[in-house]
């Protein structure tokens, strides 16, 4: 949708991000959390992303945050330093309105600029077809499914793994530091 603005989040946006995320925690399977984190925890999570130099973005329409996305380290081990995991959450009333399609490419671009080489999506519940389609439309490929890995709302849930290369990906070795 054309009147979306994607920008870096501010601390003031965290209230709205927390509202969006709480809905997904309480009513959906995109997140395997069962209790929504409070505002202080959401602020801590955003600060942790920014502290490691990764992007935390929001998409707004007419001054209202309609969704947010951020990248985090894929895993903490040093060998994974060129790989990130994306997270994206859209307001329940804005699903299908292009919010994800605005956020995810911007996140990919910023992570590529930062020198990251791989992005992984861990999509909660194999029934999350809108998220799977969004990621596929942005160049992600299905790399696996963790069957029955979570339990929420009285049923077992899969986690879908998708991945895409960023920039030159693994076609070249990363730069080495001089001694």
C-alpha atoms as a PDB file:
ATOM      1  CA  UNK A   1       0.000   0.000   0.000  1.00  0.00           C
ATOM      2  CA  UNK A   2       1.429   3.324  -1.075  1.00  0.00           C
ATOM      3  CA  UNK A   3       1.100   5.513   1.997  1.00  0.00           C
ATOM      4  CA  UNK A   4       3.399   3.426   4.196  1.00  0.00           C
ATOM      5  CA  UNK A   5       6.581   4.911   5.595  1.00  0.00           C
ATOM      6  CA  UNK A   6       9.305   2.515   6.747  1.00  0.00           C
ATOM      7  CA  UNK A   7      11.766   4.013   9.212  1.00  0.00           C
ATOM      8  CA  UNK A   8      13.987   3.193  12.153  1.00  0.00           C
ATOM      9  CA  UNK A   9      11.937   2.641  15.278  1.00  0.00           C
ATOM     10  CA  UNK A  10      12.107   5.025  18.203  1.00  0.00           C
ATOM     11  CA  UNK A  11      11.630   4.222  21.856  1.00  0.00           C
ATOM     12  CA  UNK A  12       8.209   5.888  21.625  1.00  0.00           C
ATOM     13  CA  UNK A  13       7.191   3.278  19.000  1.00  0.00           C
ATOM     14  CA  UNK A  14       7.730   0.425  21.444  1.00  0.00           C
ATOM     15  CA  UNK A  15       4.300   0.927  23.028  1.00  0.00           C
ATOM     16  CA  UNK A  16       2.658   0.210  19.676  1.00  0.00           C
ATOM     17  CA  UNK A  17       5.071  -2.638  18.890  1.00  0.00           C
ATOM     18  CA  UNK A  18       4.164  -4.196  22.241  1.00  0.00           C
ATOM     19  CA  UNK A  19       0.449  -3.969  21.385  1.00  0.00           C
ATOM     20  CA  UNK A  20       0.990  -5.605  18.003  1.00  0.00           C
ATOM     21  CA  UNK A  21       3.156  -8.358  19.469  1.00  0.00           C
ATOM     22  CA  UNK A  22       0.782  -9.016  22.400  1.00  0.00           C
ATOM     23  CA  UNK A  23      -2.006  -9.818  19.947  1.00  0.00           C
ATOM     24  CA  UNK A  24       0.205 -12.375  18.171  1.00  0.00           C
ATOM     25  CA  UNK A  25       1.244 -13.942  21.473  1.00  0.00           C
ATOM     26  CA  UNK A  26      -2.300 -14.187  22.826  1.00  0.00           C
ATOM     27  CA  UNK A  27      -4.168 -15.111  19.657  1.00  0.00           C
ATOM     28  CA  UNK A  28      -1.735 -16.561  17.144  1.00  0.00           C
ATOM     29  CA  UNK A  29       1.049 -19.006  16.563  1.00  0.00           C
ATOM     30  CA  UNK A  30       3.600 -16.721  14.901  1.00  0.00           C
ATOM     31  CA  UNK A  31       5.242 -16.469  18.316  1.00  0.00           C
ATOM     32  CA  UNK A  32       5.705 -19.420  20.617  1.00  0.00           C
ATOM     33  CA  UNK A  33       5.579 -17.166  23.670  1.00  0.00           C
ATOM     34  CA  UNK A  34       2.429 -17.663  25.721  1.00  0.00           C
ATOM     35  CA  UNK A  35       2.488 -14.499  27.839  1.00  0.00           C
ATOM     36  CA  UNK A  36       3.084 -11.115  26.207  1.00  0.00           C
ATOM     37  CA  UNK A  37       6.201  -9.366  27.478  1.00  0.00           C
ATOM     38  CA  UNK A  38       5.601  -6.121  29.321  1.00  0.00           C
ATOM     39  CA  UNK A  39       6.650  -2.734  27.976  1.00  0.00           C
ATOM     40  CA  UNK A  40       9.948  -2.730  29.889  1.00  0.00           C
ATOM     41  CA  UNK A  41      10.893  -6.080  28.339  1.00  0.00           C
ATOM     42  CA  UNK A  42       9.945  -4.896  24.858  1.00  0.00           C
ATOM     43  CA  UNK A  43      12.124  -1.819  25.352  1.00  0.00           C
ATOM     44  CA  UNK A  44      14.967  -4.053  26.536  1.00  0.00           C
ATOM     45  CA  UNK A  45      14.604  -6.278  23.457  1.00  0.00           C
ATOM     46  CA  UNK A  46      14.695  -3.295  21.095  1.00  0.00           C
ATOM     47  CA  UNK A  47      17.737  -1.869  22.880  1.00  0.00           C
ATOM     48  CA  UNK A  48      19.505  -5.245  22.624  1.00  0.00           C
ATOM     49  CA  UNK A  49      18.995  -5.260  18.843  1.00  0.00           C
ATOM     50  CA  UNK A  50      20.287  -1.711  18.494  1.00  0.00           C
ATOM     51  CA  UNK A  51      23.210  -2.364  20.867  1.00  0.00           C
ATOM     52  CA  UNK A  52      24.603  -4.973  18.469  1.00  0.00           C
ATOM     53  CA  UNK A  53      24.195  -2.606  15.536  1.00  0.00           C
ATOM     54  CA  UNK A  54      21.253  -4.319  13.850  1.00  0.00           C
ATOM     55  CA  UNK A  55      18.110  -2.629  12.503  1.00  0.00           C
ATOM     56  CA  UNK A  56      14.753  -2.334  14.261  1.00  0.00           C
ATOM     57  CA  UNK A  57      12.193  -0.858  11.856  1.00  0.00           C
ATOM     58  CA  UNK A  58       8.571   0.200  11.871  1.00  0.00           C
ATOM     59  CA  UNK A  59       6.083   0.799   9.070  1.00  0.00           C
ATOM     60  CA  UNK A  60       3.631   3.565   9.716  1.00  0.00           C
ATOM     61  CA  UNK A  61       0.575   4.830   7.921  1.00  0.00           C
ATOM     62  CA  UNK A  62      -0.802   8.263   8.732  1.00  0.00           C
ATOM     63  CA  UNK A  63       1.346   8.399  11.868  1.00  0.00           C
ATOM     64  CA  UNK A  64       0.259   5.000  13.220  1.00  0.00           C
ATOM     65  CA  UNK A  65       2.676   2.073  13.450  1.00  0.00           C
ATOM     66  CA  UNK A  66       1.171  -0.808  11.473  1.00  0.00           C
ATOM     67  CA  UNK A  67       4.009  -3.304  11.906  1.00  0.00           C
ATOM     68  CA  UNK A  68       7.610  -3.744  12.873  1.00  0.00           C
ATOM     69  CA  UNK A  69      10.590  -5.853  11.908  1.00  0.00           C
ATOM     70  CA  UNK A  70      14.057  -6.369  13.245  1.00  0.00           C
ATOM     71  CA  UNK A  71      17.113  -8.521  12.821  1.00  0.00           C
ATOM     72  CA  UNK A  72      18.913 -10.387  15.546  1.00  0.00           C
ATOM     73  CA  UNK A  73      21.955 -12.582  15.561  1.00  0.00           C
ATOM     74  CA  UNK A  74      21.120 -16.046  14.224  1.00  0.00           C
ATOM     75  CA  UNK A  75      23.069 -17.704  17.032  1.00  0.00           C
ATOM     76  CA  UNK A  76      25.602 -16.410  19.583  1.00  0.00           C
ATOM     77  CA  UNK A  77      28.646 -18.416  18.435  1.00  0.00           C
ATOM     78  CA  UNK A  78      31.334 -16.388  16.597  1.00  0.00           C
ATOM     79  CA  UNK A  79      31.128 -18.492  13.420  1.00  0.00           C
ATOM     80  CA  UNK A  80      27.568 -17.213  12.905  1.00  0.00           C
ATOM     81  CA  UNK A  81      28.563 -13.515  12.926  1.00  0.00           C
ATOM     82  CA  UNK A  82      27.560 -13.046   9.279  1.00  0.00           C
ATOM     83  CA  UNK A  83      24.090 -14.555   9.760  1.00  0.00           C
ATOM     84  CA  UNK A  84      20.961 -12.901  11.109  1.00  0.00           C
ATOM     85  CA  UNK A  85      17.392 -13.935  11.853  1.00  0.00           C
ATOM     86  CA  UNK A  86      14.496 -11.697  10.926  1.00  0.00           C
ATOM     87  CA  UNK A  87      11.369 -11.110  12.971  1.00  0.00           C
ATOM     88  CA  UNK A  88       8.324  -9.338  11.607  1.00  0.00           C
ATOM     89  CA  UNK A  89       4.935  -8.634  13.172  1.00  0.00           C
ATOM     90  CA  UNK A  90       2.005  -6.879  11.521  1.00  0.00           C
ATOM     91  CA  UNK A  91      -1.026  -5.272  13.149  1.00  0.00           C
ATOM     92  CA  UNK A  92      -3.932  -7.714  12.985  1.00  0.00           C
ATOM     93  CA  UNK A  93      -6.025  -5.192  11.028  1.00  0.00           C
ATOM     94  CA  UNK A  94      -3.235  -4.500   8.500  1.00  0.00           C
ATOM     95  CA  UNK A  95      -2.456  -8.062   7.393  1.00  0.00           C
ATOM     96  CA  UNK A  96      -2.558  -8.316   3.609  1.00  0.00           C
ATOM     97  CA  UNK A  97      -2.147  -4.557   3.108  1.00  0.00           C
ATOM     98  CA  UNK A  98       1.510  -4.571   2.067  1.00  0.00           C
ATOM     99  CA  UNK A  99       3.034  -3.794   5.461  1.00  0.00           C
ATOM    100  CA  UNK A 100       5.232  -6.890   5.491  1.00  0.00           C
ATOM    101  CA  UNK A 101       6.158  -6.324   1.839  1.00  0.00           C
ATOM    102  CA  UNK A 102       7.379  -2.847   2.824  1.00  0.00           C
ATOM    103  CA  UNK A 103       9.257  -3.908   5.970  1.00  0.00           C
ATOM    104  CA  UNK A 104      11.061  -7.081   4.929  1.00  0.00           C
ATOM    105  CA  UNK A 105      12.919  -5.693   1.858  1.00  0.00           C
ATOM    106  CA  UNK A 106      14.052  -2.694   3.926  1.00  0.00           C
ATOM    107  CA  UNK A 107      15.346  -5.024   6.630  1.00  0.00           C
ATOM    108  CA  UNK A 108      17.130  -7.175   4.040  1.00  0.00           C
ATOM    109  CA  UNK A 109      18.744  -4.101   2.495  1.00  0.00           C
ATOM    110  CA  UNK A 110      19.975  -2.746   5.825  1.00  0.00           C
ATOM    111  CA  UNK A 111      21.421  -6.094   6.905  1.00  0.00           C
ATOM    112  CA  UNK A 112      23.150  -6.447   3.534  1.00  0.00           C
ATOM    113  CA  UNK A 113      24.680  -2.986   3.946  1.00  0.00           C
ATOM    114  CA  UNK A 114      25.959  -4.076   7.365  1.00  0.00           C
ATOM    115  CA  UNK A 115      27.877  -6.924   5.703  1.00  0.00           C
ATOM    116  CA  UNK A 116      25.621  -9.755   6.779  1.00  0.00           C
ATOM    117  CA  UNK A 117      25.619 -12.677   4.341  1.00  0.00           C
ATOM    118  CA  UNK A 118      22.647 -14.880   5.324  1.00  0.00           C
ATOM    119  CA  UNK A 119      19.197 -14.221   6.738  1.00  0.00           C
ATOM    120  CA  UNK A 120      17.113 -16.935   8.357  1.00  0.00           C
ATOM    121  CA  UNK A 121      13.389 -16.851   9.078  1.00  0.00           C
ATOM    122  CA  UNK A 122      12.007 -19.121  11.769  1.00  0.00           C
ATOM    123  CA  UNK A 123       8.289 -19.043  11.115  1.00  0.00           C
ATOM    124  CA  UNK A 124       6.156 -20.337  13.936  1.00  0.00           C
ATOM    125  CA  UNK A 125       3.538 -22.823  12.712  1.00  0.00           C
ATOM    126  CA  UNK A 126       3.592 -24.255   9.213  1.00  0.00           C
ATOM    127  CA  UNK A 127       0.049 -22.864   8.841  1.00  0.00           C
ATOM    128  CA  UNK A 128       1.473 -19.301   8.782  1.00  0.00           C
ATOM    129  CA  UNK A 129       1.057 -19.174   5.017  1.00  0.00           C
ATOM    130  CA  UNK A 130       1.013 -15.344   4.780  1.00  0.00           C
ATOM    131  CA  UNK A 131       4.450 -15.198   6.409  1.00  0.00           C
ATOM    132  CA  UNK A 132       5.758 -18.069   4.298  1.00  0.00           C
ATOM    133  CA  UNK A 133       4.486 -16.359   1.118  1.00  0.00           C
ATOM    134  CA  UNK A 134       5.970 -13.012   2.190  1.00  0.00           C
ATOM    135  CA  UNK A 135       9.390 -14.539   2.782  1.00  0.00           C
ATOM    136  CA  UNK A 136       9.268 -16.507  -0.482  1.00  0.00           C
ATOM    137  CA  UNK A 137       8.378 -13.318  -2.378  1.00  0.00           C
ATOM    138  CA  UNK A 138      11.504 -11.701  -0.897  1.00  0.00           C
ATOM    139  CA  UNK A 139      13.836 -14.455  -2.064  1.00  0.00           C
ATOM    140  CA  UNK A 140      13.759 -16.840   0.880  1.00  0.00           C
ATOM    141  CA  UNK A 141      13.831 -20.561   0.191  1.00  0.00           C
ATOM    142  CA  UNK A 142      12.344 -23.277   2.340  1.00  0.00           C
ATOM    143  CA  UNK A 143      15.198 -25.134   4.055  1.00  0.00           C
ATOM    144  CA  UNK A 144      13.348 -27.258   6.555  1.00  0.00           C
ATOM    145  CA  UNK A 145      10.531 -27.822   8.986  1.00  0.00           C
ATOM    146  CA  UNK A 146      10.942 -28.690  12.630  1.00  0.00           C
ATOM    147  CA  UNK A 147       7.939 -30.941  13.188  1.00  0.00           C
ATOM    148  CA  UNK A 148       5.870 -30.640  16.360  1.00  0.00           C
ATOM    149  CA  UNK A 149       8.565 -28.513  18.030  1.00  0.00           C
ATOM    150  CA  UNK A 150       6.191 -26.273  19.998  1.00  0.00           C
ATOM    151  CA  UNK A 151       2.975 -26.739  21.939  1.00  0.00           C
ATOM    152  CA  UNK A 152       0.472 -23.881  22.185  1.00  0.00           C
ATOM    153  CA  UNK A 153      -3.315 -23.597  22.255  1.00  0.00           C
ATOM    154  CA  UNK A 154      -3.637 -27.313  22.920  1.00  0.00           C
ATOM    155  CA  UNK A 155      -1.851 -28.459  19.787  1.00  0.00           C
ATOM    156  CA  UNK A 156       1.591 -29.270  18.459  1.00  0.00           C
ATOM    157  CA  UNK A 157       3.160 -26.696  16.151  1.00  0.00           C
ATOM    158  CA  UNK A 158       5.853 -26.916  13.510  1.00  0.00           C
ATOM    159  CA  UNK A 159       8.488 -24.254  12.904  1.00  0.00           C
ATOM    160  CA  UNK A 160       9.323 -23.504   9.292  1.00  0.00           C
ATOM    161  CA  UNK A 161      12.901 -22.557   8.437  1.00  0.00           C
ATOM    162  CA  UNK A 162      13.527 -20.318   5.434  1.00  0.00           C
ATOM    163  CA  UNK A 163      16.798 -18.736   4.338  1.00  0.00           C
ATOM    164  CA  UNK A 164      18.168 -16.291   1.790  1.00  0.00           C
ATOM    165  CA  UNK A 165      21.604 -15.027   0.917  1.00  0.00           C
ATOM    166  CA  UNK A 166      22.368 -11.367   1.436  1.00  0.00           C
ATOM    167  CA  UNK A 167      24.592  -9.514  -0.994  1.00  0.00           C
ATOM    168  CA  UNK A 168      27.348 -11.807  -2.220  1.00  0.00           C
ATOM    169  CA  UNK A 169      26.319 -14.460   0.277  1.00  0.00           C
ATOM    170  CA  UNK A 170      28.826 -17.295   0.431  1.00  0.00           C
ATOM    171  CA  UNK A 171      30.299 -16.589  -3.015  1.00  0.00           C
ATOM    172  CA  UNK A 172      33.303 -14.882  -1.427  1.00  0.00           C
ATOM    173  CA  UNK A 173      35.095 -15.233   1.872  1.00  0.00           C
ATOM    174  CA  UNK A 174      34.439 -12.497   4.401  1.00  0.00           C
ATOM    175  CA  UNK A 175      37.116  -9.878   4.910  1.00  0.00           C
ATOM    176  CA  UNK A 176      39.828 -10.844   7.363  1.00  0.00           C
ATOM    177  CA  UNK A 177      41.281  -8.545   9.972  1.00  0.00           C
ATOM    178  CA  UNK A 178      44.917  -7.698   9.632  1.00  0.00           C
ATOM    179  CA  UNK A 179      47.113  -8.604  12.580  1.00  0.00           C
END
